[in-house]
């Protein structure tokens, strides 16, 4: 209860370590790559024992046994706003709110937008695989036009369901520290995305404000594709709809 109680709670959690624990991700899932490059970026900025990772209950939650940082799991869609509360209670900690496109852009859209409006000094890390992965592959706000899902078996009809939500178009005029979109479709893109994460973490350490990175990721199981074909789908369709790059980069550089 209260800030002191939260501080004491975190002090009782084991310090961070990357493990070889088994996980629940499907073969070809991009979440494992995201976990690796996140861990490498945290290591690069020297914050292994000062990181608090706030996780959603969906597929990203499987990072919890793999990345044993000071972990906090929260209700679906409340990841980013929970991370803002943790940061206010632990202002010297490196705080990352990690969730999927379903959580961030559907049930949690108000948390995403208002955390950005307040320029909260956290990193919102969103893995976008264009479906609700954990619950069976339903259409998410980021499902592509004509993309078939379990709730849109004939494909997403933009006349009925609207166009996919693009977080860059929504936040690009906001007064935040950093806005970027990466991908794990190729080794080159993985390297670029890791650099984005490291930059965002450095900005948080300097107190520059809200950083959001969306990472395009494959979901072979719910896309009904083999892993290699899922990567091809990313390059030929997903990345053509969602532009990769850095869109806001404010604040001091060292």
Protein backbone atom coordinates (compact mmCIF):
# COMPACT_ATOMS: atom_id res chain seq x y z
CA UNK A 1 0.00 0.00 0.00
CA UNK A 2 1.42 3.37 -0.96
CA UNK A 3 4.73 4.13 -2.59
CA UNK A 4 6.77 2.68 0.28
CA UNK A 5 4.88 -0.60 0.11
CA UNK A 6 5.46 -0.88 -3.65
CA UNK A 7 9.16 -0.13 -3.22
CA UNK A 8 9.51 -2.87 -0.63
CA UNK A 9 7.59 -5.29 -2.85
CA UNK A 10 9.99 -4.79 -5.74
CA UNK A 11 13.02 -5.11 -3.48
CA UNK A 12 11.94 -8.66 -2.64
CA UNK A 13 11.94 -9.79 -6.29
CA UNK A 14 15.08 -11.58 -7.57
CA UNK A 15 17.36 -9.45 -9.69
CA UNK A 16 17.21 -9.79 -13.45
CA UNK A 17 18.78 -12.62 -15.41
CA UNK A 18 18.24 -14.08 -18.87
CA UNK A 19 17.42 -17.77 -18.59
CA UNK A 20 17.12 -20.77 -20.87
CA UNK A 21 13.69 -21.60 -19.47
CA UNK A 22 11.15 -23.18 -21.79
CA UNK A 23 8.38 -20.94 -23.08
CA UNK A 24 4.92 -21.24 -24.57
CA UNK A 25 5.51 -19.57 -27.92
CA UNK A 26 4.56 -21.38 -31.11
CA UNK A 27 7.26 -22.35 -33.64
CA UNK A 28 8.17 -19.35 -35.77
CA UNK A 29 6.68 -16.80 -33.38
CA UNK A 30 8.46 -13.44 -33.30
CA UNK A 31 8.07 -12.93 -29.56
CA UNK A 32 11.25 -14.87 -28.83
CA UNK A 33 13.27 -12.55 -31.05
CA UNK A 34 11.71 -9.54 -29.33
CA UNK A 35 12.68 -10.99 -25.94
CA UNK A 36 16.28 -11.47 -27.05
CA UNK A 37 16.82 -8.02 -28.51
CA UNK A 38 15.09 -6.40 -25.53
CA UNK A 39 17.47 -8.22 -23.19
CA UNK A 40 20.46 -7.23 -25.30
CA UNK A 41 19.37 -3.57 -25.33
CA UNK A 42 18.92 -3.55 -21.55
CA UNK A 43 22.37 -5.10 -21.17
CA UNK A 44 23.84 -2.48 -23.51
CA UNK A 45 22.59 0.40 -21.36
CA UNK A 46 23.80 -1.30 -18.17
CA UNK A 47 20.40 -1.61 -16.49
CA UNK A 48 20.14 -5.35 -15.91
CA UNK A 49 19.39 -4.98 -12.19
CA UNK A 50 17.34 -1.79 -12.52
CA UNK A 51 14.66 -2.89 -15.00
CA UNK A 52 10.98 -3.44 -14.30
CA UNK A 53 9.14 -5.25 -17.09
CA UNK A 54 5.34 -4.84 -17.07
CA UNK A 55 3.63 -7.56 -19.11
CA UNK A 56 0.17 -8.13 -20.52
CA UNK A 57 -1.55 -11.49 -20.04
CA UNK A 58 -1.42 -12.40 -23.74
CA UNK A 59 1.42 -14.03 -25.75
CA UNK A 60 4.05 -11.60 -24.54
CA UNK A 61 3.46 -12.92 -21.04
CA UNK A 62 5.61 -15.93 -21.93
CA UNK A 63 8.60 -13.60 -21.60
CA UNK A 64 8.17 -13.71 -17.82
CA UNK A 65 10.08 -16.99 -17.21
CA UNK A 66 12.57 -16.20 -20.00
CA UNK A 67 13.49 -12.67 -18.90
CA UNK A 68 13.62 -12.74 -15.13
CA UNK A 69 13.66 -9.03 -14.51
CA UNK A 70 11.54 -7.41 -11.86
CA UNK A 71 8.32 -8.52 -13.55
CA UNK A 72 4.80 -7.27 -13.05
CA UNK A 73 1.86 -8.91 -14.82
CA UNK A 74 -1.34 -6.94 -15.17
CA UNK A 75 -4.85 -7.15 -16.59
CA UNK A 76 -5.29 -7.38 -20.35
CA UNK A 77 -4.95 -3.97 -21.99
CA UNK A 78 -3.73 -2.22 -18.84
CA UNK A 79 -0.03 -2.77 -19.46
CA UNK A 80 1.02 0.71 -20.50
CA UNK A 81 -0.96 2.56 -17.84
CA UNK A 82 0.31 0.11 -15.20
CA UNK A 83 3.85 0.87 -16.37
CA UNK A 84 3.22 4.58 -15.83
CA UNK A 85 2.19 3.87 -12.24
CA UNK A 86 5.29 1.77 -11.66
CA UNK A 87 7.51 4.52 -13.07
CA UNK A 88 5.95 7.13 -10.80
CA UNK A 89 6.53 4.86 -7.81
CA UNK A 90 10.04 3.86 -8.95
CA UNK A 91 11.26 6.90 -10.91
CA UNK A 92 14.89 5.77 -11.05
CA UNK A 93 14.01 2.36 -12.51
CA UNK A 94 13.94 1.54 -16.22
CA UNK A 95 10.28 0.69 -16.88
CA UNK A 96 8.99 -1.10 -19.99
CA UNK A 97 5.34 -1.82 -20.71
CA UNK A 98 5.17 -4.71 -23.19
CA UNK A 99 1.96 -5.81 -24.88
CA UNK A 100 0.48 -6.81 -28.23
CA UNK A 101 -1.50 -4.92 -30.83
CA UNK A 102 -4.78 -6.26 -29.47
CA UNK A 103 -4.09 -5.03 -25.94
CA UNK A 104 -2.54 -1.70 -26.94
CA UNK A 105 -4.98 -0.68 -29.66
CA UNK A 106 -8.27 -2.27 -28.61
CA UNK A 107 -9.09 -2.62 -24.91
CA UNK A 108 -6.04 -0.55 -23.96
CA UNK A 109 -6.23 2.23 -26.55
CA UNK A 110 -7.10 4.86 -23.94
CA UNK A 111 -4.04 3.87 -21.89
CA UNK A 112 -1.80 4.14 -24.95
CA UNK A 113 -3.10 7.54 -26.03
CA UNK A 114 -3.34 9.20 -22.62
CA UNK A 115 0.08 7.95 -21.51
CA UNK A 116 1.44 9.60 -24.64
CA UNK A 117 -0.54 12.79 -23.98
CA UNK A 118 0.99 12.96 -20.50
CA UNK A 119 4.42 12.20 -22.00
CA UNK A 120 5.03 9.56 -19.33
CA UNK A 121 8.71 8.65 -19.08
CA UNK A 122 8.40 4.96 -20.01
CA UNK A 123 8.92 2.71 -23.01
CA UNK A 124 5.74 1.24 -24.50
CA UNK A 125 6.91 -1.78 -26.50
CA UNK A 126 4.15 -3.17 -28.71
CA UNK A 127 4.50 -6.42 -30.63
CA UNK A 128 2.18 -6.20 -33.62
CA UNK A 129 1.31 -9.52 -35.25
CA UNK A 130 -1.99 -8.22 -36.65
CA UNK A 131 -4.20 -10.66 -34.71
CA UNK A 132 -5.36 -11.49 -31.20
CA UNK A 133 -2.87 -14.32 -30.85
CA UNK A 134 -3.59 -15.75 -27.40
CA UNK A 135 -7.35 -16.10 -27.80
CA UNK A 136 -7.47 -17.85 -31.15
CA UNK A 137 -6.46 -15.48 -33.91
CA UNK A 138 -9.39 -13.09 -34.06
CA UNK A 139 -9.20 -9.84 -36.02
CA UNK A 140 -7.39 -7.10 -34.13
CA UNK A 141 -7.38 -3.34 -34.77
CA UNK A 142 -4.12 -3.93 -36.70
CA UNK A 143 -5.36 -6.76 -38.94
CA UNK A 144 -4.70 -5.94 -42.58
CA UNK A 145 -7.31 -5.28 -45.28
CA UNK A 146 -8.65 -8.62 -46.59
CA UNK A 147 -6.69 -10.52 -43.91
CA UNK A 148 -8.50 -13.69 -42.91
CA UNK A 149 -8.85 -14.34 -39.18
CA UNK A 150 -11.12 -16.55 -37.09
CA UNK A 151 -13.55 -13.64 -36.72
CA UNK A 152 -13.19 -12.44 -40.31
CA UNK A 153 -13.09 -15.70 -42.30
CA UNK A 154 -13.71 -13.86 -45.58
CA UNK A 155 -11.07 -11.26 -44.85
CA UNK A 156 -11.17 -7.86 -43.18
CA UNK A 157 -13.74 -5.76 -45.01
CA UNK A 158 -12.72 -2.13 -44.60
CA UNK A 159 -16.25 -0.98 -45.54
CA UNK A 160 -17.60 -2.86 -42.52
CA UNK A 161 -14.70 -3.06 -40.06
CA UNK A 162 -12.78 0.05 -41.05
CA UNK A 163 -9.10 0.38 -41.85
CA UNK A 164 -6.33 -1.01 -39.64
CA UNK A 165 -5.25 1.19 -36.75
CA UNK A 166 -1.87 2.82 -37.40
CA UNK A 167 -0.28 4.08 -34.18
CA UNK A 168 2.20 6.21 -36.11
CA UNK A 169 -0.58 8.18 -37.81
CA UNK A 170 -2.25 8.69 -34.43
CA UNK A 171 0.78 9.78 -32.39
CA UNK A 172 3.02 11.42 -34.98
CA UNK A 173 2.01 14.97 -33.94
CA UNK A 174 2.20 14.28 -30.19
CA UNK A 175 4.83 15.91 -28.00
CA UNK A 176 6.62 12.69 -27.03
CA UNK A 177 10.26 11.66 -26.97
CA UNK A 178 10.34 8.82 -29.49
CA UNK A 179 8.07 6.99 -31.91
CA UNK A 180 9.37 4.20 -34.11
CA UNK A 181 8.36 1.01 -35.86
CA UNK A 182 10.67 -1.94 -36.37
CA UNK A 183 10.34 -5.49 -37.64
CA UNK A 184 11.82 -8.94 -37.09
CA UNK A 185 11.30 -10.13 -40.69
CA UNK A 186 15.00 -10.18 -41.60
CA UNK A 187 18.34 -10.15 -39.73
CA UNK A 188 18.92 -6.57 -40.90
CA UNK A 189 15.56 -5.46 -39.53
CA UNK A 190 16.21 -7.25 -36.23
CA UNK A 191 19.46 -5.30 -35.80
CA UNK A 192 17.74 -1.99 -36.61
CA UNK A 193 14.92 -2.75 -34.19
CA UNK A 194 17.34 -3.53 -31.37
CA UNK A 195 19.01 -0.16 -31.96
CA UNK A 196 15.60 1.50 -31.69
CA UNK A 197 14.99 -0.17 -28.33
CA UNK A 198 18.38 0.84 -27.02
CA UNK A 199 17.81 4.44 -28.11
CA UNK A 200 14.43 4.53 -26.36
CA UNK A 201 15.92 3.15 -23.15
CA UNK A 202 18.65 5.77 -23.21
CA UNK A 203 16.01 8.47 -23.68
CA UNK A 204 14.12 7.20 -20.66
CA UNK A 205 17.29 7.25 -18.56
CA UNK A 206 17.75 10.90 -19.56
CA UNK A 207 14.15 11.66 -18.59
CA UNK A 208 13.06 12.75 -22.07
CA UNK A 209 9.55 11.33 -21.88
CA UNK A 210 7.26 8.83 -23.58
CA UNK A 211 8.75 6.38 -26.07
CA UNK A 212 6.71 3.95 -28.14
CA UNK A 213 8.14 1.29 -30.41
CA UNK A 214 5.92 -0.99 -32.43
CA UNK A 215 7.56 -4.20 -33.64
CA UNK A 216 6.03 -6.06 -36.56
CA UNK A 217 6.10 -9.77 -35.80
CA UNK A 218 4.93 -13.02 -37.42
CA UNK A 219 2.21 -15.30 -36.04
CA UNK A 220 2.45 -18.46 -38.19
CA UNK A 221 -0.14 -20.38 -36.15
CA UNK A 222 -2.93 -17.82 -36.43
CA UNK A 223 -1.95 -16.76 -39.95
CA UNK A 224 -2.17 -20.45 -40.99
CA UNK A 225 1.27 -20.22 -42.58
CA UNK A 226 4.56 -22.05 -42.25
CA UNK A 227 7.20 -19.93 -40.44
CA UNK A 228 9.12 -19.13 -43.65
CA UNK A 229 5.90 -18.13 -45.42
CA UNK A 230 4.93 -15.97 -42.44
CA UNK A 231 8.13 -13.95 -42.87
CA UNK A 232 7.33 -13.58 -46.56
CA UNK A 233 3.84 -12.34 -45.64
CA UNK A 234 5.43 -9.74 -43.39
CA UNK A 235 7.73 -8.44 -46.10
CA UNK A 236 5.15 -8.46 -48.90
CA UNK A 237 2.06 -7.25 -47.03
CA UNK A 238 2.47 -6.21 -43.39
CA UNK A 239 5.54 -4.02 -43.91
CA UNK A 240 4.03 -2.41 -46.99
CA UNK A 241 1.00 -1.30 -44.99
CA UNK A 242 2.87 -0.33 -41.82
CA UNK A 243 5.92 1.76 -42.69
CA UNK A 244 9.11 0.93 -40.78
CA UNK A 245 11.30 3.68 -39.41
CA UNK A 246 11.73 6.44 -36.83
CA UNK A 247 8.98 9.07 -36.84
CA UNK A 248 9.61 11.17 -33.71
CA UNK A 249 13.05 11.57 -32.16
CA UNK A 250 13.11 14.48 -29.73
CA UNK A 251 15.32 15.40 -26.82
CA UNK A 252 19.03 15.65 -26.20
CA UNK A 253 21.52 13.25 -27.71
CA UNK A 254 24.80 12.26 -26.17
